[in-house]
């Protein structure tokens, strides 16, 4: 290259990280701390540059629901092996956590409905899966409770039958 051509070449442009729509990021307040959005101004890329997550990251609520659901499944399994008062306490604990999970799903549902249509469709599909999962857990709890009731009824019948055989 000649000296004449070198002077016409513009300097290399400043490289900036790709920024997803700030409208989407700002409407998902539970996904990002406010400092992340403020710090995501165009700047040179280096290792300490904060980056916005992909357009559909798992929200704090979503991660919390997934952990809660996994714990509920374990507790239902554990409750099936218990008897008497321990089982009743475990079932009561499970019901409380199910209410908490329902609240999280409702919160995520409200947040999802306020988003852009393309994002909303994906999130609402996930929420349908979560609702189905929660309904399965509720069914499991009903089965555990009915098992308790059946055992109690059986014990009562056996006790009354034993009393009748003693009186004859």
Protein backbone atom coordinates (compact mmCIF):
# COMPACT_ATOMS: atom_id res chain seq x y z
CA UNK A 1 0.00 0.00 0.00
CA UNK A 2 1.14 3.48 -0.72
CA UNK A 3 1.24 6.27 1.77
CA UNK A 4 -1.58 7.95 -0.12
CA UNK A 5 -3.96 4.96 0.37
CA UNK A 6 -3.08 4.56 4.06
CA UNK A 7 -4.37 7.99 4.94
CA UNK A 8 -7.83 7.15 3.52
CA UNK A 9 -8.33 4.03 5.69
CA UNK A 10 -10.45 4.92 8.70
CA UNK A 11 -9.33 3.76 12.13
CA UNK A 12 -10.81 0.49 13.44
CA UNK A 13 -14.23 1.07 14.98
CA UNK A 14 -14.77 0.79 18.72
CA UNK A 15 -16.21 -2.66 19.48
CA UNK A 16 -19.30 -2.64 21.72
CA UNK A 17 -21.15 -5.59 23.22
CA UNK A 18 -24.45 -6.49 21.56
CA UNK A 19 -27.36 -4.99 23.47
CA UNK A 20 -30.79 -6.64 23.37
CA UNK A 21 -33.74 -4.35 23.44
CA UNK A 22 -33.54 -2.26 26.58
CA UNK A 23 -37.34 -2.11 26.50
CA UNK A 24 -37.50 -5.86 27.09
CA UNK A 25 -34.73 -5.73 29.69
CA UNK A 26 -36.34 -2.87 31.59
CA UNK A 27 -39.74 -4.59 31.66
CA UNK A 28 -38.18 -7.69 33.20
CA UNK A 29 -37.17 -6.00 36.43
CA UNK A 30 -36.88 -9.30 38.24
CA UNK A 31 -34.27 -10.49 35.75
CA UNK A 32 -31.67 -7.77 36.10
CA UNK A 33 -30.40 -5.64 38.94
CA UNK A 34 -30.73 -1.97 38.04
CA UNK A 35 -26.95 -1.53 38.14
CA UNK A 36 -26.56 -4.02 35.27
CA UNK A 37 -28.86 -2.06 32.96
CA UNK A 38 -27.19 1.24 33.86
CA UNK A 39 -23.71 -0.21 33.40
CA UNK A 40 -24.50 -1.67 29.97
CA UNK A 41 -23.62 1.49 28.09
CA UNK A 42 -21.59 1.06 24.87
CA UNK A 43 -17.92 0.64 25.69
CA UNK A 44 -14.92 -1.39 24.65
CA UNK A 45 -15.16 -5.09 25.37
CA UNK A 46 -12.97 -6.38 28.16
CA UNK A 47 -13.35 -9.07 30.82
CA UNK A 48 -14.93 -6.74 33.37
CA UNK A 49 -17.64 -5.40 31.04
CA UNK A 50 -21.09 -6.36 32.36
CA UNK A 51 -23.21 -8.00 29.70
CA UNK A 52 -26.96 -8.19 29.51
CA UNK A 53 -28.34 -11.73 29.51
CA UNK A 54 -29.95 -13.35 26.51
CA UNK A 55 -33.50 -12.14 25.77
CA UNK A 56 -35.16 -15.01 27.71
CA UNK A 57 -33.07 -15.81 30.77
CA UNK A 58 -34.51 -17.63 33.73
CA UNK A 59 -35.85 -15.05 36.14
CA UNK A 60 -35.23 -15.13 39.87
CA UNK A 61 -38.85 -16.22 40.34
CA UNK A 62 -38.48 -18.99 37.78
CA UNK A 63 -35.36 -20.38 39.43
CA UNK A 64 -37.07 -20.14 42.81
CA UNK A 65 -40.11 -22.01 41.47
CA UNK A 66 -37.95 -24.78 39.97
CA UNK A 67 -36.10 -25.26 43.26
CA UNK A 68 -39.38 -25.22 45.17
CA UNK A 69 -40.93 -27.76 42.82
CA UNK A 70 -37.96 -30.12 43.14
CA UNK A 71 -38.09 -29.84 46.94
CA UNK A 72 -41.85 -30.47 46.92
CA UNK A 73 -41.37 -33.64 44.89
CA UNK A 74 -38.78 -34.89 47.37
CA UNK A 75 -41.02 -34.03 50.32
CA UNK A 76 -43.98 -35.85 48.77
CA UNK A 77 -41.83 -38.94 48.33
CA UNK A 78 -40.58 -38.67 51.91
CA UNK A 79 -44.11 -38.12 53.26
CA UNK A 80 -45.22 -41.38 51.68
CA UNK A 81 -42.86 -43.29 53.95
CA UNK A 82 -44.03 -41.57 57.15
CA UNK A 83 -46.90 -42.48 59.44
CA UNK A 84 -49.19 -40.69 61.86
CA UNK A 85 -48.38 -37.25 63.16
CA UNK A 86 -45.09 -36.97 61.24
CA UNK A 87 -46.94 -37.54 57.98
CA UNK A 88 -49.58 -34.93 58.88
CA UNK A 89 -46.86 -32.37 59.67
CA UNK A 90 -45.03 -33.11 56.41
CA UNK A 91 -48.28 -32.79 54.41
CA UNK A 92 -49.04 -29.47 56.13
CA UNK A 93 -45.55 -28.23 55.23
CA UNK A 94 -46.02 -29.39 51.63
CA UNK A 95 -49.37 -27.57 51.34
CA UNK A 96 -47.76 -24.34 52.57
CA UNK A 97 -45.00 -24.66 49.96
CA UNK A 98 -47.58 -25.42 47.24
CA UNK A 99 -49.33 -22.14 48.11
CA UNK A 100 -45.97 -20.37 47.81
CA UNK A 101 -45.38 -22.00 44.41
CA UNK A 102 -48.84 -20.90 43.22
CA UNK A 103 -48.04 -17.33 44.23
CA UNK A 104 -44.79 -17.42 42.25
CA UNK A 105 -46.60 -18.74 39.18
CA UNK A 106 -49.23 -16.01 39.44
CA UNK A 107 -46.53 -13.35 39.76
CA UNK A 108 -44.64 -14.70 36.73
CA UNK A 109 -47.91 -14.90 34.77
CA UNK A 110 -48.67 -11.22 35.42
CA UNK A 111 -45.13 -10.21 34.46
CA UNK A 112 -45.22 -12.32 31.28
CA UNK A 113 -48.52 -10.83 30.10
CA UNK A 114 -46.96 -7.35 30.16
CA UNK A 115 -44.18 -8.31 27.72
CA UNK A 116 -43.90 -8.12 23.95
CA UNK A 117 -45.92 -10.83 22.14
CA UNK A 118 -42.94 -12.88 20.91
CA UNK A 119 -41.48 -13.11 24.43
CA UNK A 120 -44.87 -13.50 26.06
CA UNK A 121 -45.74 -16.62 24.03
CA UNK A 122 -42.60 -18.44 25.14
CA UNK A 123 -42.98 -17.50 28.79
CA UNK A 124 -46.69 -18.39 28.92
CA UNK A 125 -45.88 -21.82 27.46
CA UNK A 126 -43.35 -22.35 30.27
CA UNK A 127 -45.93 -21.24 32.80
CA UNK A 128 -48.43 -23.79 31.48
CA UNK A 129 -45.82 -26.48 32.12
CA UNK A 130 -45.24 -25.16 35.63
CA UNK A 131 -48.99 -25.12 36.33
CA UNK A 132 -49.27 -28.71 35.12
CA UNK A 133 -46.35 -29.71 37.31
CA UNK A 134 -47.98 -28.02 40.30
CA UNK A 135 -51.29 -29.77 39.62
CA UNK A 136 -49.44 -33.10 39.61
CA UNK A 137 -47.96 -32.23 43.00
CA UNK A 138 -51.43 -31.32 44.32
CA UNK A 139 -52.74 -34.67 43.11
CA UNK A 140 -49.89 -36.41 44.91
CA UNK A 141 -50.74 -34.55 48.13
CA UNK A 142 -54.40 -35.57 47.78
CA UNK A 143 -53.28 -39.17 47.38
CA UNK A 144 -51.13 -38.88 50.51
CA UNK A 145 -54.01 -37.34 52.47
CA UNK A 146 -56.51 -39.92 51.27
CA UNK A 147 -54.04 -42.63 52.26
CA UNK A 148 -54.08 -41.13 55.75
CA UNK A 149 -57.87 -41.05 55.78
CA UNK A 150 -58.13 -44.63 54.53
CA UNK A 151 -55.70 -45.82 57.18
CA UNK A 152 -57.60 -43.97 59.91
CA UNK A 153 -60.93 -45.33 58.72
CA UNK A 154 -59.50 -48.84 58.54
CA UNK A 155 -58.09 -48.52 62.07
CA UNK A 156 -61.46 -47.30 63.35
CA UNK A 157 -63.26 -50.19 61.67
CA UNK A 158 -60.77 -52.68 63.04
CA UNK A 159 -61.06 -51.22 66.53
CA UNK A 160 -64.87 -51.27 66.41
CA UNK A 161 -64.79 -54.82 65.01
CA UNK A 162 -62.50 -55.89 67.81
CA UNK A 163 -64.86 -54.32 70.34
CA UNK A 164 -67.83 -56.20 68.82
CA UNK A 165 -66.03 -59.54 68.97
CA UNK A 166 -65.21 -58.99 72.60
CA UNK A 167 -68.83 -58.28 73.56
CA UNK A 168 -70.31 -61.37 71.90
